[in-house]
């Protein structure tokens, strides 16, 4: 009977330790410093067209910016290199605009 009590106590202790440690989380696919939110001087406007939607990314910064459009439930854009005072357009027919991020 004593060995059952020791085994039960060990299992309870192991379960408590596992709960205290929190859930295991996989590492992100990419370093968070590589991808992130665009600076405040980069804006995105979404327009509806007959053939889908257009995400227009405008760079009002004083230097060249690299950005991509993330689409929920659809294909993301390639990485755009946008000079100061210029913009880039991404046409998409599936999904919803999610965000614009650096790349």
PDB file of N, CA and C in Angstrom:
ATOM      1  N   UNK A   1       0.816  -1.189   0.000  1.00  0.00           N
ATOM      2  CA  UNK A   1       0.000   0.000   0.000  1.00  0.00           C
ATOM      3  C   UNK A   1       0.861   1.256   0.000  1.00  0.00           C
ATOM      4  N   UNK A   2       2.013   1.194   0.641  1.00  0.00           N
ATOM      5  CA  UNK A   2       2.889   2.359   0.719  1.00  0.00           C
ATOM      6  C   UNK A   2       3.418   2.722  -0.660  1.00  0.00           C
ATOM      7  N   UNK A   3       3.697   1.724  -1.499  1.00  0.00           N
ATOM      8  CA  UNK A   3       4.222   2.025  -2.839  1.00  0.00           C
ATOM      9  C   UNK A   3       3.163   2.705  -3.695  1.00  0.00           C
ATOM     10  N   UNK A   4       1.884   2.364  -3.502  1.00  0.00           N
ATOM     11  CA  UNK A   4       0.806   3.035  -4.233  1.00  0.00           C
ATOM     12  C   UNK A   4       0.716   4.503  -3.830  1.00  0.00           C
ATOM     13  N   UNK A   5       0.868   4.775  -2.539  1.00  0.00           N
ATOM     14  CA  UNK A   5       0.794   6.141  -2.041  1.00  0.00           C
ATOM     15  C   UNK A   5       1.960   6.964  -2.584  1.00  0.00           C
ATOM     16  N   UNK A   6       3.156   6.383  -2.647  1.00  0.00           N
ATOM     17  CA  UNK A   6       4.329   7.079  -3.179  1.00  0.00           C
ATOM     18  C   UNK A   6       4.128   7.357  -4.660  1.00  0.00           C
ATOM     19  N   UNK A   7       3.618   6.377  -5.403  1.00  0.00           N
ATOM     20  CA  UNK A   7       3.376   6.559  -6.832  1.00  0.00           C
ATOM     21  C   UNK A   7       2.338   7.648  -7.055  1.00  0.00           C
ATOM     22  N   UNK A   8       1.241   7.620  -6.300  1.00  0.00           N
ATOM     23  CA  UNK A   8       0.198   8.638  -6.434  1.00  0.00           C
ATOM     24  C   UNK A   8       0.750  10.025  -6.109  1.00  0.00           C
ATOM     25  N   UNK A   9       1.516  10.134  -5.044  1.00  0.00           N
ATOM     26  CA  UNK A   9       2.107  11.415  -4.654  1.00  0.00           C
ATOM     27  C   UNK A   9       3.051  11.913  -5.737  1.00  0.00           C
ATOM     28  N   UNK A  10       3.821  11.024  -6.329  1.00  0.00           N
ATOM     29  CA  UNK A  10       4.746  11.400  -7.405  1.00  0.00           C
ATOM     30  C   UNK A  10       3.984  11.893  -8.627  1.00  0.00           C
ATOM     31  N   UNK A  11       2.887  11.228  -8.978  1.00  0.00           N
ATOM     32  CA  UNK A  11       2.085  11.644 -10.127  1.00  0.00           C
ATOM     33  C   UNK A  11       1.447  13.004  -9.885  1.00  0.00           C
ATOM     34  N   UNK A  12       0.943  13.234  -8.685  1.00  0.00           N
ATOM     35  CA  UNK A  12       0.337  14.522  -8.353  1.00  0.00           C
ATOM     36  C   UNK A  12       1.390  15.621  -8.414  1.00  0.00           C
ATOM     37  N   UNK A  13       2.567  15.359  -7.898  1.00  0.00           N
ATOM     38  CA  UNK A  13       3.642  16.354  -7.921  1.00  0.00           C
ATOM     39  C   UNK A  13       4.064  16.656  -9.359  1.00  0.00           C
ATOM     40  N   UNK A  14       4.169  15.640 -10.195  1.00  0.00           N
ATOM     41  CA  UNK A  14       4.548  15.842 -11.598  1.00  0.00           C
ATOM     42  C   UNK A  14       3.479  16.638 -12.336  1.00  0.00           C
ATOM     43  N   UNK A  15       2.210  16.352 -12.071  1.00  0.00           N
ATOM     44  CA  UNK A  15       1.123  17.089 -12.722  1.00  0.00           C
ATOM     45  C   UNK A  15       1.125  18.546 -12.285  1.00  0.00           C
ATOM     46  N   UNK A  16       1.351  18.791 -11.003  1.00  0.00           N
ATOM     47  CA  UNK A  16       1.393  20.170 -10.506  1.00  0.00           C
ATOM     48  C   UNK A  16       2.553  20.932 -11.127  1.00  0.00           C
ATOM     49  N   UNK A  17       3.688  20.287 -11.256  1.00  0.00           N
ATOM     50  CA  UNK A  17       4.851  20.926 -11.871  1.00  0.00           C
ATOM     51  C   UNK A  17       4.583  21.232 -13.337  1.00  0.00           C
ATOM     52  N   UNK A  18       3.947  20.317 -14.044  1.00  0.00           N
ATOM     53  CA  UNK A  18       3.634  20.540 -15.460  1.00  0.00           C
ATOM     54  C   UNK A  18       2.649  21.693 -15.628  1.00  0.00           C
ATOM     55  N   UNK A  19       1.667  21.787 -14.744  1.00  0.00           N
ATOM     56  CA  UNK A  19       0.704  22.891 -14.828  1.00  0.00           C
ATOM     57  C   UNK A  19       1.355  24.228 -14.508  1.00  0.00           C
ATOM     58  N   UNK A  20       2.265  24.233 -13.560  1.00  0.00           N
ATOM     59  CA  UNK A  20       2.938  25.474 -13.181  1.00  0.00           C
ATOM     60  C   UNK A  20       3.855  25.969 -14.291  1.00  0.00           C
ATOM     61  N   UNK A  21       4.404  25.050 -15.071  1.00  0.00           N
ATOM     62  CA  UNK A  21       5.320  25.435 -16.144  1.00  0.00           C
ATOM     63  C   UNK A  21       4.584  26.091 -17.299  1.00  0.00           C
ATOM     64  N   UNK A  22       3.291  25.846 -17.432  1.00  0.00           N
ATOM     65  CA  UNK A  22       2.521  26.432 -18.529  1.00  0.00           C
ATOM     66  C   UNK A  22       2.596  25.561 -19.764  1.00  0.00           C
ATOM     67  N   UNK A  23       1.817  25.921 -20.779  1.00  0.00           N
ATOM     68  CA  UNK A  23       1.781  25.107 -21.987  1.00  0.00           C
ATOM     69  C   UNK A  23       3.074  25.248 -22.788  1.00  0.00           C
ATOM     70  N   UNK A  24       3.424  24.196 -23.476  1.00  0.00           N
ATOM     71  CA  UNK A  24       4.591  24.237 -24.356  1.00  0.00           C
ATOM     72  C   UNK A  24       4.220  25.003 -25.616  1.00  0.00           C
ATOM     73  N   UNK A  25       5.085  25.884 -26.040  1.00  0.00           N
ATOM     74  CA  UNK A  25       4.816  26.707 -27.213  1.00  0.00           C
ATOM     75  C   UNK A  25       5.946  26.520 -28.208  1.00  0.00           C
ATOM     76  N   UNK A  26       5.595  26.259 -29.450  1.00  0.00           N
ATOM     77  CA  UNK A  26       6.608  26.102 -30.488  1.00  0.00           C
ATOM     78  C   UNK A  26       7.206  27.452 -30.835  1.00  0.00           C
ATOM     79  N   UNK A  27       8.445  27.443 -31.255  1.00  0.00           N
ATOM     80  CA  UNK A  27       9.114  28.678 -31.666  1.00  0.00           C
ATOM     81  C   UNK A  27       8.491  29.188 -32.954  1.00  0.00           C
ATOM     82  N   UNK A  28       8.428  30.513 -33.141  1.00  0.00           N
ATOM     83  CA  UNK A  28       7.868  31.048 -34.381  1.00  0.00           C
ATOM     84  C   UNK A  28       8.716  30.650 -35.580  1.00  0.00           C
ATOM     85  N   UNK A  29       8.069  30.618 -36.739  1.00  0.00           N
ATOM     86  CA  UNK A  29       8.764  30.216 -37.955  1.00  0.00           C
ATOM     87  C   UNK A  29       9.840  31.222 -38.339  1.00  0.00           C
ATOM     88  N   UNK A  30       9.627  32.491 -38.012  1.00  0.00           N
ATOM     89  CA  UNK A  30      10.598  33.520 -38.334  1.00  0.00           C
ATOM     90  C   UNK A  30      10.839  34.383 -37.124  1.00  0.00           C
ATOM     91  N   UNK A  31      12.043  34.906 -37.019  1.00  0.00           N
ATOM     92  CA  UNK A  31      12.392  35.800 -35.929  1.00  0.00           C
ATOM     93  C   UNK A  31      11.472  37.016 -35.958  1.00  0.00           C
ATOM     94  N   UNK A  32      10.956  37.407 -34.820  1.00  0.00           N
ATOM     95  CA  UNK A  32      10.025  38.535 -34.760  1.00  0.00           C
ATOM     96  C   UNK A  32      10.677  39.845 -35.184  1.00  0.00           C
ATOM     97  N   UNK A  33      12.000  39.944 -35.085  1.00  0.00           N
ATOM     98  CA  UNK A  33      12.662  41.184 -35.482  1.00  0.00           C
ATOM     99  C   UNK A  33      12.735  41.328 -36.992  1.00  0.00           C
ATOM    100  N   UNK A  34      12.542  40.240 -37.724  1.00  0.00           N
ATOM    101  CA  UNK A  34      12.595  40.298 -39.182  1.00  0.00           C
ATOM    102  C   UNK A  34      11.289  40.847 -39.738  1.00  0.00           C
ATOM    103  N   UNK A  35      10.180  40.374 -39.228  1.00  0.00           N
ATOM    104  CA  UNK A  35       8.872  40.827 -39.679  1.00  0.00           C
ATOM    105  C   UNK A  35       8.247  41.651 -38.566  1.00  0.00           C
ATOM    106  N   UNK A  36       7.569  42.721 -38.932  1.00  0.00           N
ATOM    107  CA  UNK A  36       6.932  43.532 -37.907  1.00  0.00           C
ATOM    108  C   UNK A  36       6.027  44.562 -38.530  1.00  0.00           C
ATOM    109  N   UNK A  37       5.481  45.373 -37.688  1.00  0.00           N
ATOM    110  CA  UNK A  37       4.607  46.432 -38.168  1.00  0.00           C
ATOM    111  C   UNK A  37       5.420  47.473 -38.916  1.00  0.00           C
ATOM    112  N   UNK A  38       4.815  48.036 -39.919  1.00  0.00           N
ATOM    113  CA  UNK A  38       5.480  49.090 -40.685  1.00  0.00           C
ATOM    114  C   UNK A  38       5.504  50.366 -39.847  1.00  0.00           C
ATOM    115  N   UNK A  39       6.430  51.283 -40.132  1.00  0.00           N
ATOM    116  CA  UNK A  39       6.453  52.545 -39.390  1.00  0.00           C
ATOM    117  C   UNK A  39       5.204  53.377 -39.666  1.00  0.00           C
ATOM    118  N   UNK A  40       4.977  54.361 -38.824  1.00  0.00           N
ATOM    119  CA  UNK A  40       3.780  55.199 -38.926  1.00  0.00           C
ATOM    120  C   UNK A  40       3.675  55.909 -40.267  1.00  0.00           C
ATOM    121  N   UNK A  41       4.799  56.126 -40.951  1.00  0.00           N
ATOM    122  CA  UNK A  41       4.785  56.876 -42.213  1.00  0.00           C
ATOM    123  C   UNK A  41       4.439  56.002 -43.420  1.00  0.00           C
ATOM    124  N   UNK A  42       4.147  54.719 -43.203  1.00  0.00           N
ATOM    125  CA  UNK A  42       3.679  53.827 -44.270  1.00  0.00           C
ATOM    126  C   UNK A  42       2.201  53.557 -44.014  1.00  0.00           C
ATOM    127  N   UNK A  43       1.369  53.846 -45.007  1.00  0.00           N
ATOM    128  CA  UNK A  43      -0.077  53.651 -44.841  1.00  0.00           C
ATOM    129  C   UNK A  43      -0.603  52.703 -45.912  1.00  0.00           C
ATOM    130  N   UNK A  44      -1.738  52.095 -45.622  1.00  0.00           N
ATOM    131  CA  UNK A  44      -2.374  51.169 -46.556  1.00  0.00           C
ATOM    132  C   UNK A  44      -3.842  51.537 -46.690  1.00  0.00           C
ATOM    133  N   UNK A  45      -4.299  51.656 -47.922  1.00  0.00           N
ATOM    134  CA  UNK A  45      -5.712  51.888 -48.220  1.00  0.00           C
ATOM    135  C   UNK A  45      -6.231  50.704 -49.024  1.00  0.00           C
ATOM    136  N   UNK A  46      -7.461  50.298 -48.755  1.00  0.00           N
ATOM    137  CA  UNK A  46      -8.080  49.173 -49.454  1.00  0.00           C
ATOM    138  C   UNK A  46      -9.198  49.710 -50.329  1.00  0.00           C
ATOM    139  N   UNK A  47      -9.182  49.313 -51.597  1.00  0.00           N
ATOM    140  CA  UNK A  47     -10.198  49.744 -52.560  1.00  0.00           C
ATOM    141  C   UNK A  47     -10.876  48.520 -53.156  1.00  0.00           C
ATOM    142  N   UNK A  48     -12.188  48.619 -53.376  1.00  0.00           N
ATOM    143  CA  UNK A  48     -12.937  47.562 -54.048  1.00  0.00           C
ATOM    144  C   UNK A  48     -12.953  47.826 -55.539  1.00  0.00           C
ATOM    145  N   UNK A  49     -12.749  46.772 -56.311  1.00  0.00           N
ATOM    146  CA  UNK A  49     -12.837  46.827 -57.771  1.00  0.00           C
ATOM    147  C   UNK A  49     -13.756  45.706 -58.228  1.00  0.00           C
ATOM    148  N   UNK A  50     -14.142  45.746 -59.478  1.00  0.00           N
ATOM    149  CA  UNK A  50     -15.005  44.698 -60.026  1.00  0.00           C
ATOM    150  C   UNK A  50     -14.328  43.327 -59.962  1.00  0.00           C
ATOM    151  N   UNK A  51     -13.009  43.291 -60.093  1.00  0.00           N
ATOM    152  CA  UNK A  51     -12.284  42.020 -60.124  1.00  0.00           C
ATOM    153  C   UNK A  51     -11.749  41.600 -58.758  1.00  0.00           C
ATOM    154  N   UNK A  52     -12.043  42.340 -57.702  1.00  0.00           N
ATOM    155  CA  UNK A  52     -11.539  41.993 -56.370  1.00  0.00           C
ATOM    156  C   UNK A  52     -11.233  43.241 -55.567  1.00  0.00           C
ATOM    157  N   UNK A  53     -10.150  43.201 -54.832  1.00  0.00           N
ATOM    158  CA  UNK A  53      -9.740  44.340 -54.019  1.00  0.00           C
ATOM    159  C   UNK A  53      -8.288  44.702 -54.306  1.00  0.00           C
ATOM    160  N   UNK A  54      -7.945  45.944 -53.984  1.00  0.00           N
ATOM    161  CA  UNK A  54      -6.574  46.423 -54.142  1.00  0.00           C
ATOM    162  C   UNK A  54      -6.122  47.003 -52.809  1.00  0.00           C
ATOM    163  N   UNK A  55      -4.956  46.568 -52.360  1.00  0.00           N
ATOM    164  CA  UNK A  55      -4.312  47.171 -51.195  1.00  0.00           C
ATOM    165  C   UNK A  55      -3.230  48.100 -51.731  1.00  0.00           C
ATOM    166  N   UNK A  56      -3.384  49.389 -51.491  1.00  0.00           N
ATOM    167  CA  UNK A  56      -2.425  50.388 -51.962  1.00  0.00           C
ATOM    168  C   UNK A  56      -1.565  50.793 -50.770  1.00  0.00           C
ATOM    169  N   UNK A  57      -0.264  50.502 -50.854  1.00  0.00           N
ATOM    170  CA  UNK A  57       0.676  50.809 -49.776  1.00  0.00           C
ATOM    171  C   UNK A  57       1.463  52.046 -50.180  1.00  0.00           C
ATOM    172  N   UNK A  58       1.392  53.091 -49.360  1.00  0.00           N
ATOM    173  CA  UNK A  58       2.022  54.369 -49.664  1.00  0.00           C
ATOM    174  C   UNK A  58       3.148  54.631 -48.666  1.00  0.00           C
ATOM    175  N   UNK A  59       4.314  55.049 -49.187  1.00  0.00           N
ATOM    176  CA  UNK A  59       5.469  55.359 -48.348  1.00  0.00           C
ATOM    177  C   UNK A  59       5.646  56.869 -48.245  1.00  0.00           C
ATOM    178  N   UNK A  60       5.320  57.431 -47.094  1.00  0.00           N
ATOM    179  CA  UNK A  60       5.525  58.858 -46.840  1.00  0.00           C
ATOM    180  C   UNK A  60       6.765  59.090 -45.973  1.00  0.00           C
ATOM    181  N   UNK A  61       7.578  58.061 -45.799  1.00  0.00           N
ATOM    182  CA  UNK A  61       8.802  58.174 -45.005  1.00  0.00           C
ATOM    183  C   UNK A  61       9.889  58.880 -45.822  1.00  0.00           C
ATOM    184  N   UNK A  62      10.942  59.256 -45.177  1.00  0.00           N
ATOM    185  CA  UNK A  62      12.058  59.906 -45.848  1.00  0.00           C
ATOM    186  C   UNK A  62      13.056  58.937 -46.445  1.00  0.00           C
ATOM    187  N   UNK A  63      12.816  57.643 -46.291  1.00  0.00           N
ATOM    188  CA  UNK A  63      13.725  56.637 -46.851  1.00  0.00           C
ATOM    189  C   UNK A  63      12.918  55.479 -47.443  1.00  0.00           C
ATOM    190  N   UNK A  64      13.596  54.637 -48.194  1.00  0.00           N
ATOM    191  CA  UNK A  64      12.953  53.493 -48.843  1.00  0.00           C
ATOM    192  C   UNK A  64      12.475  52.503 -47.782  1.00  0.00           C
ATOM    193  N   UNK A  65      11.291  51.969 -47.994  1.00  0.00           N
ATOM    194  CA  UNK A  65      10.703  50.982 -47.084  1.00  0.00           C
ATOM    195  C   UNK A  65      10.424  49.685 -47.841  1.00  0.00           C
ATOM    196  N   UNK A  66      10.533  48.564 -47.114  1.00  0.00           N
ATOM    197  CA  UNK A  66      10.165  47.261 -47.676  1.00  0.00           C
ATOM    198  C   UNK A  66       8.954  46.764 -46.894  1.00  0.00           C
ATOM    199  N   UNK A  67       7.903  46.406 -47.626  1.00  0.00           N
ATOM    200  CA  UNK A  67       6.665  45.990 -46.964  1.00  0.00           C
ATOM    201  C   UNK A  67       5.957  44.937 -47.801  1.00  0.00           C
ATOM    202  N   UNK A  68       5.139  44.160 -47.127  1.00  0.00           N
ATOM    203  CA  UNK A  68       4.274  43.198 -47.812  1.00  0.00           C
ATOM    204  C   UNK A  68       2.895  43.264 -47.188  1.00  0.00           C
ATOM    205  N   UNK A  69       1.905  42.876 -47.991  1.00  0.00           N
ATOM    206  CA  UNK A  69       0.511  42.889 -47.559  1.00  0.00           C
ATOM    207  C   UNK A  69       0.139  41.473 -47.125  1.00  0.00           C
ATOM    208  N   UNK A  70      -0.395  41.352 -45.925  1.00  0.00           N
ATOM    209  CA  UNK A  70      -0.815  40.059 -45.387  1.00  0.00           C
ATOM    210  C   UNK A  70      -2.323  39.946 -45.553  1.00  0.00           C
ATOM    211  N   UNK A  71      -2.748  38.878 -46.217  1.00  0.00           N
ATOM    212  CA  UNK A  71      -4.163  38.632 -46.490  1.00  0.00           C
ATOM    213  C   UNK A  71      -4.631  37.445 -45.652  1.00  0.00           C
ATOM    214  N   UNK A  72      -5.707  37.647 -44.904  1.00  0.00           N
ATOM    215  CA  UNK A  72      -6.297  36.541 -44.165  1.00  0.00           C
ATOM    216  C   UNK A  72      -7.124  35.686 -45.112  1.00  0.00           C
ATOM    217  N   UNK A  73      -6.894  34.399 -45.103  1.00  0.00           N
ATOM    218  CA  UNK A  73      -7.604  33.443 -45.956  1.00  0.00           C
ATOM    219  C   UNK A  73      -7.324  33.665 -47.436  1.00  0.00           C
ATOM    220  N   UNK A  74      -6.141  34.162 -47.752  1.00  0.00           N
ATOM    221  CA  UNK A  74      -5.746  34.364 -49.142  1.00  0.00           C
ATOM    222  C   UNK A  74      -4.240  34.509 -49.236  1.00  0.00           C
ATOM    223  N   UNK A  75      -3.724  34.584 -50.455  1.00  0.00           N
ATOM    224  CA  UNK A  75      -2.269  34.678 -50.629  1.00  0.00           C
ATOM    225  C   UNK A  75      -1.737  36.070 -50.263  1.00  0.00           C
ATOM    226  N   UNK A  76      -0.639  36.096 -49.520  1.00  0.00           N
ATOM    227  CA  UNK A  76       0.022  37.354 -49.188  1.00  0.00           C
ATOM    228  C   UNK A  76       0.793  37.867 -50.400  1.00  0.00           C
ATOM    229  N   UNK A  77       1.110  39.151 -50.378  1.00  0.00           N
ATOM    230  CA  UNK A  77       1.881  39.733 -51.481  1.00  0.00           C
ATOM    231  C   UNK A  77       3.349  39.369 -51.345  1.00  0.00           C
ATOM    232  N   UNK A  78       4.087  39.596 -52.412  1.00  0.00           N
ATOM    233  CA  UNK A  78       5.536  39.531 -52.333  1.00  0.00           C
ATOM    234  C   UNK A  78       6.004  40.761 -51.564  1.00  0.00           C
ATOM    235  N   UNK A  79       7.275  40.838 -51.291  1.00  0.00           N
ATOM    236  CA  UNK A  79       7.843  41.991 -50.604  1.00  0.00           C
ATOM    237  C   UNK A  79       8.055  43.119 -51.612  1.00  0.00           C
ATOM    238  N   UNK A  80       7.475  44.278 -51.325  1.00  0.00           N
ATOM    239  CA  UNK A  80       7.641  45.456 -52.177  1.00  0.00           C
ATOM    240  C   UNK A  80       8.767  46.324 -51.620  1.00  0.00           C
ATOM    241  N   UNK A  81       9.593  46.881 -52.505  1.00  0.00           N
ATOM    242  CA  UNK A  81      10.559  47.909 -52.140  1.00  0.00           C
ATOM    243  C   UNK A  81       9.982  49.219 -52.632  1.00  0.00           C
ATOM    244  N   UNK A  82       9.639  50.112 -51.704  1.00  0.00           N
ATOM    245  CA  UNK A  82       8.895  51.323 -52.044  1.00  0.00           C
ATOM    246  C   UNK A  82       9.747  52.552 -51.724  1.00  0.00           C
ATOM    247  N   UNK A  83      10.160  53.305 -52.756  1.00  0.00           N
ATOM    248  CA  UNK A  83      10.939  54.525 -52.518  1.00  0.00           C
ATOM    249  C   UNK A  83      10.091  55.589 -51.820  1.00  0.00           C
ATOM    250  N   UNK A  84      10.741  56.590 -51.209  1.00  0.00           N
ATOM    251  CA  UNK A  84       9.986  57.665 -50.553  1.00  0.00           C
ATOM    252  C   UNK A  84       9.050  58.365 -51.531  1.00  0.00           C
ATOM    253  N   UNK A  85       7.844  58.666 -51.078  1.00  0.00           N
ATOM    254  CA  UNK A  85       6.874  59.370 -51.910  1.00  0.00           C
ATOM    255  C   UNK A  85       6.228  58.514 -52.975  1.00  0.00           C
ATOM    256  N   UNK A  86       6.394  57.204 -52.897  1.00  0.00           N
ATOM    257  CA  UNK A  86       5.823  56.289 -53.894  1.00  0.00           C
ATOM    258  C   UNK A  86       4.913  55.278 -53.209  1.00  0.00           C
ATOM    259  N   UNK A  87       4.281  54.473 -54.035  1.00  0.00           N
ATOM    260  CA  UNK A  87       3.394  53.446 -53.515  1.00  0.00           C
ATOM    261  C   UNK A  87       3.485  52.178 -54.332  1.00  0.00           C
ATOM    262  N   UNK A  88       2.839  51.142 -53.829  1.00  0.00           N
ATOM    263  CA  UNK A  88       2.768  49.859 -54.518  1.00  0.00           C
ATOM    264  C   UNK A  88       1.361  49.309 -54.327  1.00  0.00           C
ATOM    265  N   UNK A  89       0.854  48.641 -55.347  1.00  0.00           N
ATOM    266  CA  UNK A  89      -0.499  48.084 -55.293  1.00  0.00           C
ATOM    267  C   UNK A  89      -0.443  46.566 -55.328  1.00  0.00           C
ATOM    268  N   UNK A  90      -1.287  45.937 -54.515  1.00  0.00           N
ATOM    269  CA  UNK A  90      -1.433  44.492 -54.520  1.00  0.00           C
ATOM    270  C   UNK A  90      -2.900  44.167 -54.760  1.00  0.00           C
ATOM    271  N   UNK A  91      -3.175  43.476 -55.868  1.00  0.00           N
ATOM    272  CA  UNK A  91      -4.537  43.072 -56.236  1.00  0.00           C
ATOM    273  C   UNK A  91      -4.793  41.674 -55.675  1.00  0.00           C
ATOM    274  N   UNK A  92      -5.937  41.499 -55.005  1.00  0.00           N
ATOM    275  CA  UNK A  92      -6.288  40.170 -54.505  1.00  0.00           C
ATOM    276  C   UNK A  92      -7.787  39.945 -54.663  1.00  0.00           C
ATOM    277  N   UNK A  93      -8.142  38.690 -54.916  1.00  0.00           N
ATOM    278  CA  UNK A  93      -9.544  38.345 -55.136  1.00  0.00           C
ATOM    279  C   UNK A  93     -10.110  37.484 -54.012  1.00  0.00           C
ATOM    280  N   UNK A  94      -9.246  36.827 -53.239  1.00  0.00           N
ATOM    281  CA  UNK A  94      -9.695  35.960 -52.152  1.00  0.00           C
ATOM    282  C   UNK A  94      -9.174  36.490 -50.828  1.00  0.00           C
ATOM    283  N   UNK A  95      -9.966  36.342 -49.796  1.00  0.00           N
ATOM    284  CA  UNK A  95      -9.528  36.710 -48.460  1.00  0.00           C
ATOM    285  C   UNK A  95      -9.815  38.158 -48.109  1.00  0.00           C
ATOM    286  N   UNK A  96      -9.337  38.534 -46.941  1.00  0.00           N
ATOM    287  CA  UNK A  96      -9.524  39.880 -46.407  1.00  0.00           C
ATOM    288  C   UNK A  96      -8.171  40.470 -46.042  1.00  0.00           C
ATOM    289  N   UNK A  97      -8.070  41.779 -46.169  1.00  0.00           N
ATOM    290  CA  UNK A  97      -6.841  42.452 -45.759  1.00  0.00           C
ATOM    291  C   UNK A  97      -6.615  42.223 -44.269  1.00  0.00           C
ATOM    292  N   UNK A  98      -5.394  41.808 -43.927  1.00  0.00           N
ATOM    293  CA  UNK A  98      -5.038  41.594 -42.526  1.00  0.00           C
ATOM    294  C   UNK A  98      -4.199  42.728 -41.978  1.00  0.00           C
ATOM    295  N   UNK A  99      -3.033  42.942 -42.580  1.00  0.00           N
ATOM    296  CA  UNK A  99      -2.145  44.015 -42.149  1.00  0.00           C
ATOM    297  C   UNK A  99      -1.042  44.193 -43.179  1.00  0.00           C
ATOM    298  N   UNK A 100      -0.270  45.245 -42.995  1.00  0.00           N
ATOM    299  CA  UNK A 100       0.930  45.476 -43.784  1.00  0.00           C
ATOM    300  C   UNK A 100       2.100  45.355 -42.823  1.00  0.00           C
ATOM    301  N   UNK A 101       3.109  44.576 -43.209  1.00  0.00           N
ATOM    302  CA  UNK A 101       4.251  44.373 -42.332  1.00  0.00           C
ATOM    303  C   UNK A 101       5.555  44.565 -43.080  1.00  0.00           C
ATOM    304  N   UNK A 102       6.626  44.787 -42.341  1.00  0.00           N
ATOM    305  CA  UNK A 102       7.943  44.934 -42.953  1.00  0.00           C
ATOM    306  C   UNK A 102       8.434  43.576 -43.435  1.00  0.00           C
ATOM    307  N   UNK A 103       9.343  43.609 -44.354  1.00  0.00           N
ATOM    308  CA  UNK A 103       9.930  42.363 -44.857  1.00  0.00           C
ATOM    309  C   UNK A 103      11.371  42.580 -45.268  1.00  0.00           C
TER     310      UNK A 103
END
